[in-house]
Amino acid sequence: MKKILRLIPLVLISMFIFSSTSQALTLGNDITIWDRMGEYHGDGAANEDNEVEPGCVRNQIWDLEGFFLKESTLTMVGGFNFVTGAGARDYDSGDLFIDIGYVRSSDESTFGYDYVLDIDFAEKKYNVIRLFDTPTVVITTLPVYYAMNGAANPWKYNSGGVAVAGLQNISFTDSYWAGLVDADVAGLSGWSTGVHYAAAFDLSFLGPKTEFVSHFTIECGNDNLRGAGILPVPEPASIILVGIGLLGLVGLRRFKK
């Protein structure tokens, strides 16, 4: 028994060293769906990886590659640098829009979306804004730069709506990654350089069993990323922890005997 106890620190140290040498992310399920632009090859990230919109520049720095869902965490991955933007005009990242009813609208004040994560990538913070049930508030979002890519709208939240209490200035510093390689992001291939970026956001505010569609694009509309998922029922973590504690006590008691 004493020998086993002596080995525990070594095991913990080796686990720490192993985990610190790899950035491979546990992304969860690929929920990427066809963006309804360009040629359709079937749902899944394989359709959006190494794909931009018709008539647009085909390059890794413009590529939005996939949406992934792990429990209530939504992660988006792209070759596009979400923080610095890209191109001669430094086209910027947009905001993350959420539709919980699958009902798209021609109303260009919201483009049919129910929530938006108003993201400041430079500061790595965001605010959650509710875009519906606000009859006295004028809601405006910004369209993409190129009119020919109107189907990529909306690009960015501008004003209006209702700030969701408790979900303002949320930091995602610890859930943003840069300089990732293919193996770090579930094998997304990368067009030329193979460099990827990823950002993760907590959607638990939508509630369990909520079905949603996510949407993200960039200022010029060069690429449009969509996902469709459903939030799970949270695990009863406290019950699990109590059970583990009881098992530990039982084991300790048997050891003493």
Protein backbone atom coordinates (compact mmCIF):
# COMPACT_ATOMS: atom_id res chain seq x y z
CA MET A 1 0.00 0.00 0.00
CA LYS A 2 2.83 2.41 0.88
CA LYS A 3 4.44 1.75 -2.49
CA ILE A 4 1.21 2.65 -4.25
CA LEU A 5 0.93 5.88 -2.26
CA ARG A 6 4.49 6.80 -3.24
CA LEU A 7 3.63 6.33 -6.92
CA ILE A 8 0.67 8.72 -6.86
CA PRO A 9 2.79 11.93 -7.03
CA LEU A 10 4.76 10.52 -9.97
CA VAL A 11 1.57 9.64 -11.82
CA LEU A 12 0.16 13.13 -11.24
CA ILE A 13 3.38 14.78 -12.44
CA SER A 14 3.48 12.65 -15.59
CA MET A 15 -0.17 13.47 -16.32
CA PHE A 16 0.58 17.20 -15.98
CA ILE A 17 3.60 16.99 -18.28
CA PHE A 18 1.64 15.04 -20.90
CA SER A 19 -1.29 17.43 -20.84
CA SER A 20 0.95 20.49 -21.08
CA THR A 21 2.68 19.27 -24.25
CA SER A 22 -0.48 19.09 -26.34
CA GLN A 23 -3.15 21.62 -27.24
CA ALA A 24 -5.53 19.00 -28.62
CA LEU A 25 -9.00 20.22 -27.78
CA THR A 26 -11.92 18.11 -26.66
CA LEU A 27 -14.39 19.68 -29.04
CA GLY A 28 -17.34 17.32 -28.65
CA ASN A 29 -19.76 16.61 -31.50
CA ASP A 30 -19.40 18.22 -34.89
CA ILE A 31 -22.69 20.12 -35.43
CA THR A 32 -21.68 22.01 -38.58
CA ILE A 33 -24.38 22.19 -41.23
CA TRP A 34 -24.40 23.39 -44.82
CA ASP A 35 -24.45 27.18 -45.01
CA ARG A 36 -26.78 27.12 -48.05
CA MET A 37 -24.17 28.84 -50.17
CA GLY A 38 -22.09 27.16 -52.84
CA GLU A 39 -22.04 23.46 -53.69
CA TYR A 40 -23.68 21.07 -51.22
CA HIS A 41 -21.76 17.94 -50.24
CA GLY A 42 -23.74 16.89 -47.15
CA ASP A 43 -23.86 18.06 -43.56
CA GLY A 44 -20.70 18.08 -41.49
CA ALA A 45 -17.46 19.98 -41.19
CA ALA A 46 -16.09 18.22 -44.27
CA ASN A 47 -18.42 20.45 -46.26
CA GLU A 48 -17.23 23.70 -44.67
CA ASP A 49 -13.56 22.89 -44.12
CA ASN A 50 -11.54 24.28 -47.05
CA GLU A 51 -14.63 26.02 -48.40
CA VAL A 52 -15.52 29.69 -48.82
CA GLU A 53 -18.48 31.29 -50.57
CA PRO A 54 -18.86 31.39 -54.37
CA GLY A 55 -16.62 33.95 -56.05
CA CYS A 56 -14.60 34.59 -52.87
CA VAL A 57 -10.90 34.18 -52.11
CA ARG A 58 -10.03 30.56 -51.39
CA ASN A 59 -7.41 30.61 -48.68
CA GLN A 60 -6.93 29.31 -45.15
CA ILE A 61 -6.99 32.81 -43.64
CA TRP A 62 -10.62 33.21 -44.80
CA ASP A 63 -11.86 29.74 -43.90
CA LEU A 64 -14.45 29.22 -41.16
CA GLU A 65 -14.27 25.49 -40.60
CA GLY A 66 -16.63 24.07 -38.01
CA PHE A 67 -18.98 24.34 -35.02
CA PHE A 68 -18.64 21.78 -32.22
CA LEU A 69 -20.82 21.16 -29.16
CA LYS A 70 -19.66 19.53 -25.93
CA GLU A 71 -22.41 19.60 -23.30
CA SER A 72 -23.32 23.33 -23.25
CA THR A 73 -20.02 24.58 -24.71
CA LEU A 74 -20.09 25.73 -28.33
CA THR A 75 -16.69 25.97 -30.02
CA MET A 76 -16.06 27.48 -33.43
CA VAL A 77 -12.89 26.74 -35.38
CA GLY A 78 -11.42 28.53 -38.36
CA GLY A 79 -8.27 29.42 -40.24
CA PHE A 80 -9.48 33.01 -39.92
CA ASN A 81 -7.73 34.87 -37.09
CA PHE A 82 -10.68 35.93 -34.93
CA VAL A 83 -8.61 38.53 -33.04
CA THR A 84 -6.65 40.32 -35.77
CA GLY A 85 -8.92 39.78 -38.75
CA ALA A 86 -7.48 39.38 -42.24
CA GLY A 87 -6.96 41.03 -45.60
CA ALA A 88 -5.82 44.45 -46.75
CA ARG A 89 -8.85 46.08 -45.10
CA ASP A 90 -8.39 44.02 -41.93
CA TYR A 91 -11.85 42.53 -42.23
CA ASP A 92 -12.98 41.82 -38.68
CA SER A 93 -14.76 38.98 -36.93
CA GLY A 94 -18.51 39.18 -36.61
CA ASP A 95 -20.69 38.22 -33.64
CA LEU A 96 -22.23 34.87 -32.77
CA PHE A 97 -25.98 34.71 -33.51
CA ILE A 98 -28.32 32.09 -32.07
CA ASP A 99 -31.76 31.05 -33.37
CA ILE A 100 -33.80 28.86 -31.01
CA GLY A 101 -36.85 28.43 -33.20
CA TYR A 102 -35.46 27.55 -36.63
CA VAL A 103 -37.68 30.35 -37.96
CA ARG A 104 -35.77 32.65 -40.25
CA SER A 105 -37.27 36.05 -40.97
CA SER A 106 -36.87 38.62 -43.73
CA ASP A 107 -36.82 41.30 -41.01
CA GLU A 108 -33.31 42.71 -41.37
CA SER A 109 -33.37 44.17 -37.88
CA THR A 110 -32.63 40.71 -36.44
CA PHE A 111 -32.43 38.46 -39.53
CA GLY A 112 -34.62 36.05 -37.57
CA TYR A 113 -32.16 35.40 -34.73
CA ASP A 114 -33.18 35.34 -31.07
CA TYR A 115 -29.88 35.99 -29.29
CA VAL A 116 -26.49 37.42 -30.12
CA LEU A 117 -23.19 37.08 -28.31
CA ASP A 118 -21.75 40.56 -28.84
CA ILE A 119 -18.06 39.66 -28.88
CA ASP A 120 -14.99 41.80 -28.28
CA PHE A 121 -12.23 39.49 -29.51
CA ALA A 122 -9.45 41.94 -28.63
CA GLU A 123 -10.51 41.95 -24.96
CA LYS A 124 -11.84 38.36 -25.15
CA LYS A 125 -15.14 39.34 -23.57
CA TYR A 126 -18.74 39.19 -24.69
CA ASN A 127 -22.27 40.26 -23.76
CA VAL A 128 -25.42 38.22 -24.34
CA ILE A 129 -28.24 40.24 -25.93
CA ARG A 130 -31.82 39.03 -26.36
CA LEU A 131 -33.23 40.13 -29.70
CA PHE A 132 -36.88 39.12 -29.35
CA ASP A 133 -39.87 40.32 -27.28
CA THR A 134 -38.67 43.90 -27.54
CA PRO A 135 -41.51 45.70 -29.37
CA THR A 136 -40.47 49.17 -28.19
CA VAL A 137 -36.79 48.75 -29.05
CA VAL A 138 -35.34 49.15 -32.52
CA ILE A 139 -32.88 46.33 -33.08
CA THR A 140 -30.23 46.70 -35.73
CA THR A 141 -27.50 44.41 -36.98
CA LEU A 142 -24.85 45.22 -39.55
CA PRO A 143 -24.80 43.58 -43.00
CA VAL A 144 -21.69 42.12 -44.56
CA TYR A 145 -19.51 44.39 -46.68
CA TYR A 146 -20.12 42.70 -50.04
CA ALA A 147 -23.75 42.79 -51.18
CA MET A 148 -23.18 39.70 -53.35
CA ASN A 149 -22.80 37.71 -50.13
CA GLY A 150 -26.11 38.79 -48.64
CA ALA A 151 -26.90 35.19 -47.67
CA ALA A 152 -24.04 35.37 -45.17
CA ASN A 153 -25.90 38.00 -43.10
CA PRO A 154 -25.99 39.07 -40.38
CA TRP A 155 -22.40 40.03 -39.71
CA LYS A 156 -22.38 42.04 -36.50
CA TYR A 157 -24.72 43.27 -33.77
CA ASN A 158 -25.11 47.06 -33.69
CA SER A 159 -27.70 48.15 -31.11
CA GLY A 160 -31.04 47.45 -29.42
CA GLY A 161 -32.40 44.35 -27.78
CA VAL A 162 -32.19 43.53 -24.08
CA ALA A 163 -28.96 42.75 -22.22
CA VAL A 164 -29.39 39.42 -20.41
CA ALA A 165 -28.80 39.95 -16.69
CA GLY A 166 -25.68 38.26 -15.34
CA LEU A 167 -24.31 37.61 -18.83
CA GLN A 168 -22.36 40.80 -19.46
CA ASN A 169 -18.58 41.21 -19.82
CA ILE A 170 -18.05 37.45 -19.74
CA SER A 171 -14.39 36.56 -20.23
CA PHE A 172 -13.37 33.77 -22.59
CA THR A 173 -9.63 34.31 -22.23
CA ASP A 174 -9.15 30.70 -21.13
CA SER A 175 -11.24 29.35 -23.99
CA TYR A 176 -9.51 31.00 -26.93
CA TRP A 177 -6.70 29.23 -28.78
CA ALA A 178 -4.36 30.37 -31.56
CA GLY A 179 -1.74 28.61 -33.69
CA LEU A 180 -3.44 25.22 -33.58
CA VAL A 181 -2.50 22.41 -35.96
CA ASP A 182 -4.83 19.92 -37.63
CA ALA A 183 -4.50 17.32 -34.86
CA ASP A 184 -5.60 19.89 -32.27
CA VAL A 185 -8.96 20.48 -33.95
CA ALA A 186 -10.38 17.05 -34.71
CA GLY A 187 -8.41 16.70 -37.93
CA LEU A 188 -9.72 19.76 -39.78
CA SER A 189 -7.22 19.91 -42.60
CA GLY A 190 -6.31 23.54 -43.09
CA TRP A 191 -6.07 24.89 -46.63
CA SER A 192 -2.43 25.82 -46.94
CA THR A 193 -0.68 26.80 -43.70
CA GLY A 194 -2.67 24.41 -41.54
CA VAL A 195 -2.98 27.04 -38.78
CA HIS A 196 -6.29 27.13 -36.90
CA TYR A 197 -7.96 29.32 -34.27
CA ALA A 198 -10.74 28.35 -31.87
CA ALA A 199 -13.08 30.11 -29.46
CA ALA A 200 -15.54 28.50 -27.04
CA PHE A 201 -18.70 29.96 -25.49
CA ASP A 202 -21.13 28.74 -22.83
CA LEU A 203 -24.72 28.40 -24.09
CA SER A 204 -26.21 27.02 -20.87
CA PHE A 205 -28.30 30.20 -20.55
CA LEU A 206 -30.56 28.78 -23.29
CA GLY A 207 -31.70 25.99 -20.96
CA PRO A 208 -31.58 22.17 -21.28
CA LYS A 209 -33.10 20.47 -24.31
CA THR A 210 -33.04 23.72 -26.28
CA GLU A 211 -32.58 23.19 -30.02
CA PHE A 212 -30.64 25.96 -31.70
CA VAL A 213 -28.95 27.12 -34.87
CA SER A 214 -25.69 29.07 -34.59
CA HIS A 215 -24.36 31.52 -37.16
CA PHE A 216 -21.05 33.33 -37.55
CA THR A 217 -19.44 35.20 -40.42
CA ILE A 218 -16.79 37.83 -41.06
CA GLU A 219 -17.06 41.45 -42.16
CA CYS A 220 -16.75 40.83 -45.89
CA GLY A 221 -18.98 37.73 -45.84
CA ASN A 222 -16.20 35.69 -47.46
CA ASP A 223 -17.29 32.62 -45.48
CA ASN A 224 -20.45 31.73 -43.55
CA LEU A 225 -20.53 29.17 -40.73
CA ARG A 226 -23.67 27.48 -39.42
CA GLY A 227 -24.35 24.80 -36.84
CA ALA A 228 -27.42 23.01 -35.44
CA GLY A 229 -27.48 21.32 -32.03
CA ILE A 230 -29.47 20.60 -28.89
CA LEU A 231 -28.34 21.30 -25.34
CA PRO A 232 -28.30 18.25 -23.04
CA VAL A 233 -29.86 17.86 -19.61
CA PRO A 234 -27.10 18.67 -17.08
CA GLU A 235 -25.59 15.75 -15.18
CA PRO A 236 -26.44 15.66 -11.45
CA ALA A 237 -22.84 16.50 -10.53
CA SER A 238 -23.49 16.88 -6.84
CA ILE A 239 -25.01 13.39 -6.60
CA ILE A 240 -22.06 11.92 -8.44
CA LEU A 241 -19.59 13.64 -6.10
CA VAL A 242 -21.45 12.41 -3.03
CA GLY A 243 -21.42 8.88 -4.40
CA ILE A 244 -17.67 9.05 -5.02
CA GLY A 245 -17.15 10.32 -1.49
CA LEU A 246 -19.17 7.48 0.01
CA LEU A 247 -17.24 4.91 -2.00
CA GLY A 248 -14.02 6.44 -0.73
CA LEU A 249 -15.16 6.17 2.88
CA VAL A 250 -16.15 2.54 2.39
CA GLY A 251 -12.76 1.78 0.89
CA LEU A 252 -10.95 3.57 3.72
CA ARG A 253 -12.92 1.63 6.32
CA ARG A 254 -12.07 -1.72 4.68
CA PHE A 255 -8.42 -0.70 4.47
CA LYS A 256 -8.32 0.06 8.21
CA LYS A 257 -9.86 -3.35 8.99
